[in-house]
N, C-alpha and C. Protein backbone atom coordinates (compact mmCIF):
# COMPACT_ATOMS: atom_id res chain seq x y z
N UNK A 1 112.37 126.03 127.57
CA UNK A 1 112.05 125.38 126.42
C UNK A 1 111.31 124.14 126.53
N UNK A 2 111.89 123.31 127.59
CA UNK A 2 110.88 121.92 127.89
C UNK A 2 109.88 122.25 128.57
N UNK A 3 109.55 123.33 129.48
CA UNK A 3 108.47 123.68 129.97
C UNK A 3 107.20 123.81 129.01
N UNK A 4 107.78 124.62 128.15
CA UNK A 4 106.78 125.12 126.85
C UNK A 4 106.38 123.89 126.01
N UNK A 5 107.21 123.06 125.97
CA UNK A 5 106.67 121.91 125.19
C UNK A 5 105.77 120.87 125.99
N UNK A 6 106.19 120.71 127.36
CA UNK A 6 105.18 120.02 128.13
C UNK A 6 103.73 120.81 128.19
N UNK A 7 103.80 121.95 128.08
CA UNK A 7 102.51 122.70 128.34
C UNK A 7 101.70 122.26 127.05
N UNK A 8 102.37 122.54 125.96
CA UNK A 8 101.81 122.37 124.61
C UNK A 8 101.39 120.93 124.31
N UNK A 9 102.09 119.93 124.92
CA UNK A 9 101.77 118.59 124.71
C UNK A 9 100.49 118.40 125.64
N UNK A 10 100.53 118.76 126.84
CA UNK A 10 99.36 118.37 127.71
C UNK A 10 98.07 119.10 127.17
N UNK A 11 98.00 120.31 126.59
CA UNK A 11 96.87 120.70 126.08
C UNK A 11 96.45 120.12 124.56
N UNK A 12 97.31 119.80 123.80
CA UNK A 12 97.19 119.21 122.58
C UNK A 12 96.73 117.72 122.56
N UNK A 13 97.30 117.10 123.56
CA UNK A 13 97.14 115.59 123.52
C UNK A 13 95.68 114.91 123.59
N UNK A 14 94.82 115.69 124.63
CA UNK A 14 93.48 115.14 124.78
C UNK A 14 92.72 115.69 123.29
N UNK A 15 93.03 116.53 122.92
CA UNK A 15 92.20 117.34 121.87
C UNK A 15 92.53 116.31 120.75
N UNK A 16 93.65 115.75 120.46
CA UNK A 16 93.94 114.81 119.36
C UNK A 16 93.57 113.33 119.64
N UNK A 17 93.49 112.88 121.14
CA UNK A 17 92.93 111.70 121.19
C UNK A 17 91.42 111.61 120.93
N UNK A 18 90.65 112.77 121.19
CA UNK A 18 89.28 112.60 121.09
C UNK A 18 88.64 111.86 122.16
N UNK A 19 87.38 111.67 121.93
CA UNK A 19 86.57 110.76 123.00
C UNK A 19 87.04 109.43 122.97
N UNK A 20 87.05 108.93 124.14
CA UNK A 20 87.38 107.57 124.12
C UNK A 20 86.18 106.71 124.05
N UNK A 21 85.87 105.55 123.30
CA UNK A 21 85.13 104.83 123.09
C UNK A 21 85.04 103.43 124.02
N UNK A 22 84.03 103.40 124.67
CA UNK A 22 84.04 102.11 125.55
C UNK A 22 83.31 100.98 124.79
N UNK A 23 83.69 99.97 124.43
CA UNK A 23 83.27 98.77 123.64
C UNK A 23 83.02 97.77 124.44
N UNK A 24 81.71 97.18 124.22
CA UNK A 24 81.12 96.11 124.87
C UNK A 24 80.88 95.10 123.92
N UNK A 25 81.03 94.00 124.35
CA UNK A 25 81.09 92.57 123.44
C UNK A 25 79.58 92.14 123.80
N UNK A 26 78.87 91.89 122.79
CA UNK A 26 77.48 91.40 122.71
C UNK A 26 77.74 89.91 122.78
N UNK A 27 77.07 89.35 124.03
CA UNK A 27 77.02 87.92 124.27
C UNK A 27 75.80 87.34 124.44
N UNK A 28 75.48 86.37 123.66
CA UNK A 28 74.08 85.73 123.84
C UNK A 28 74.29 84.33 124.21
N UNK A 29 73.67 83.96 125.31
CA UNK A 29 73.49 82.54 125.78
C UNK A 29 72.43 81.60 125.33
N UNK A 30 71.61 82.18 124.48
CA UNK A 30 70.46 81.33 123.98
C UNK A 30 71.09 80.66 122.55
N UNK A 31 70.40 79.36 122.51
CA UNK A 31 70.61 78.69 121.39
C UNK A 31 69.93 79.30 120.08
N UNK A 32 70.29 78.94 118.83
CA UNK A 32 69.90 79.75 117.55
C UNK A 32 68.31 79.42 117.37
N UNK A 33 67.72 80.22 116.80
CA UNK A 33 66.04 80.03 116.53
C UNK A 33 65.81 79.01 115.55
N UNK A 34 66.66 78.69 114.79
CA UNK A 34 66.41 77.85 113.97
C UNK A 34 67.73 76.91 113.49
N UNK A 35 67.82 75.59 113.28
CA UNK A 35 68.94 75.08 112.63
C UNK A 35 69.34 75.13 111.06
N UNK A 36 70.45 75.23 110.86
CA UNK A 36 70.98 75.44 109.57
C UNK A 36 71.25 74.01 109.11
N UNK A 37 70.45 73.63 107.95
CA UNK A 37 70.56 72.33 107.53
C UNK A 37 71.97 72.32 106.59
N UNK A 38 72.20 70.94 106.21
CA UNK A 38 73.53 70.56 105.37
C UNK A 38 73.68 71.33 104.08
N UNK A 39 72.05 71.26 103.42
CA UNK A 39 72.06 71.96 102.04
C UNK A 39 72.33 73.35 102.27
N UNK A 40 71.74 74.16 103.00
CA UNK A 40 71.93 75.43 103.28
C UNK A 40 73.39 76.00 103.27
N UNK A 41 74.15 74.84 104.23
CA UNK A 41 75.31 75.19 104.53
C UNK A 41 76.29 74.94 103.04
N UNK A 42 76.02 73.84 102.34
CA UNK A 42 76.74 73.53 101.26
C UNK A 42 76.41 74.76 100.06
N UNK A 43 75.19 75.30 100.07
CA UNK A 43 74.92 76.28 99.12
C UNK A 43 75.57 77.66 99.60
N UNK A 44 75.60 77.95 101.01
CA UNK A 44 76.19 79.19 101.43
C UNK A 44 77.72 79.19 101.36
N UNK A 45 78.52 77.99 101.41
CA UNK A 45 79.63 78.11 101.13
C UNK A 45 80.10 78.01 99.84
N UNK A 46 79.32 77.68 98.88
CA UNK A 46 79.62 77.53 97.54
C UNK A 46 79.51 78.77 97.23
N UNK A 47 78.52 79.64 97.37
CA UNK A 47 78.36 81.06 96.98
C UNK A 47 79.39 82.02 97.49
N UNK A 48 79.90 81.52 98.64
CA UNK A 48 80.92 82.59 98.84
C UNK A 48 82.36 82.17 98.18
N UNK A 49 82.58 80.95 97.97
CA UNK A 49 83.70 80.77 97.44
C UNK A 49 83.73 81.26 96.04
N UNK A 50 82.70 81.14 95.31
CA UNK A 50 82.34 81.55 93.89
C UNK A 50 82.65 83.22 94.20
N UNK A 51 82.11 83.85 94.86
CA UNK A 51 82.35 85.30 95.09
C UNK A 51 83.79 85.66 95.52
N UNK A 52 84.59 84.77 96.25
CA UNK A 52 85.87 85.14 96.31
C UNK A 52 86.67 84.58 95.20
N UNK A 53 86.79 83.62 94.71
CA UNK A 53 87.65 83.08 93.59
C UNK A 53 87.15 83.36 92.31
N UNK A 54 85.82 83.61 91.88
CA UNK A 54 85.09 83.59 90.66
C UNK A 54 86.01 84.83 89.88
N UNK A 55 86.16 86.01 90.40
CA UNK A 55 86.94 87.13 89.66
C UNK A 55 88.25 86.68 89.55
N UNK A 56 89.09 86.10 90.39
CA UNK A 56 90.25 85.78 89.99
C UNK A 56 90.57 84.73 88.96
N UNK A 57 89.45 83.84 88.93
CA UNK A 57 89.27 82.73 87.89
C UNK A 57 89.20 83.53 86.69
N UNK A 58 88.27 84.56 86.46
CA UNK A 58 88.12 85.11 85.40
C UNK A 58 89.34 85.85 84.73
N UNK A 59 90.02 86.60 85.47
CA UNK A 59 91.30 87.21 85.30
C UNK A 59 92.25 86.37 84.58
N UNK A 60 92.32 84.94 85.37
CA UNK A 60 93.50 84.01 85.02
C UNK A 60 92.75 83.16 83.80
N UNK A 61 91.66 83.10 83.43
CA UNK A 61 91.17 82.50 82.25
C UNK A 61 91.30 83.44 80.92
N UNK A 62 91.42 84.88 81.28
CA UNK A 62 91.47 85.66 80.14
C UNK A 62 92.91 86.33 80.23
N UNK A 63 93.74 86.02 80.88
CA UNK A 63 95.12 86.53 81.09
C UNK A 63 95.62 86.94 79.55
N UNK A 64 95.55 86.01 78.79
CA UNK A 64 96.02 86.46 77.31
C UNK A 64 95.50 87.66 76.76
N UNK A 65 94.10 87.80 76.93
CA UNK A 65 93.45 89.08 76.46
C UNK A 65 94.27 90.28 77.25
N UNK A 66 94.55 90.28 78.30
CA UNK A 66 94.75 91.33 79.09
C UNK A 66 96.30 91.79 78.71
N UNK A 67 97.17 90.81 78.21
CA UNK A 67 98.46 91.01 77.95
C UNK A 67 98.55 91.94 76.56
N UNK A 68 97.61 91.59 75.78
CA UNK A 68 97.55 92.40 74.34
C UNK A 68 97.61 94.02 74.58
N UNK A 69 98.34 94.44 73.96
CA UNK A 69 98.56 96.09 73.93
C UNK A 69 97.89 96.35 72.74
N UNK A 70 96.73 97.18 72.82
CA UNK A 70 95.91 97.51 71.59
C UNK A 70 96.20 98.91 71.57
């Protein structure tokens, strides 16, 4: 029985693993094409925080409406 299990495992394991993917990291050594200003940084961070915290704030502001059973 162990011989049969070893045979099945040796045949099934490569098929279950599939193809191995070789990943390579893309490394760039050049500086950025353009500098990002302070205003662009503040606007970008503000929009990201609004996108993340906005929906949670909406739910918390309207929590009493969500509690009602209609």
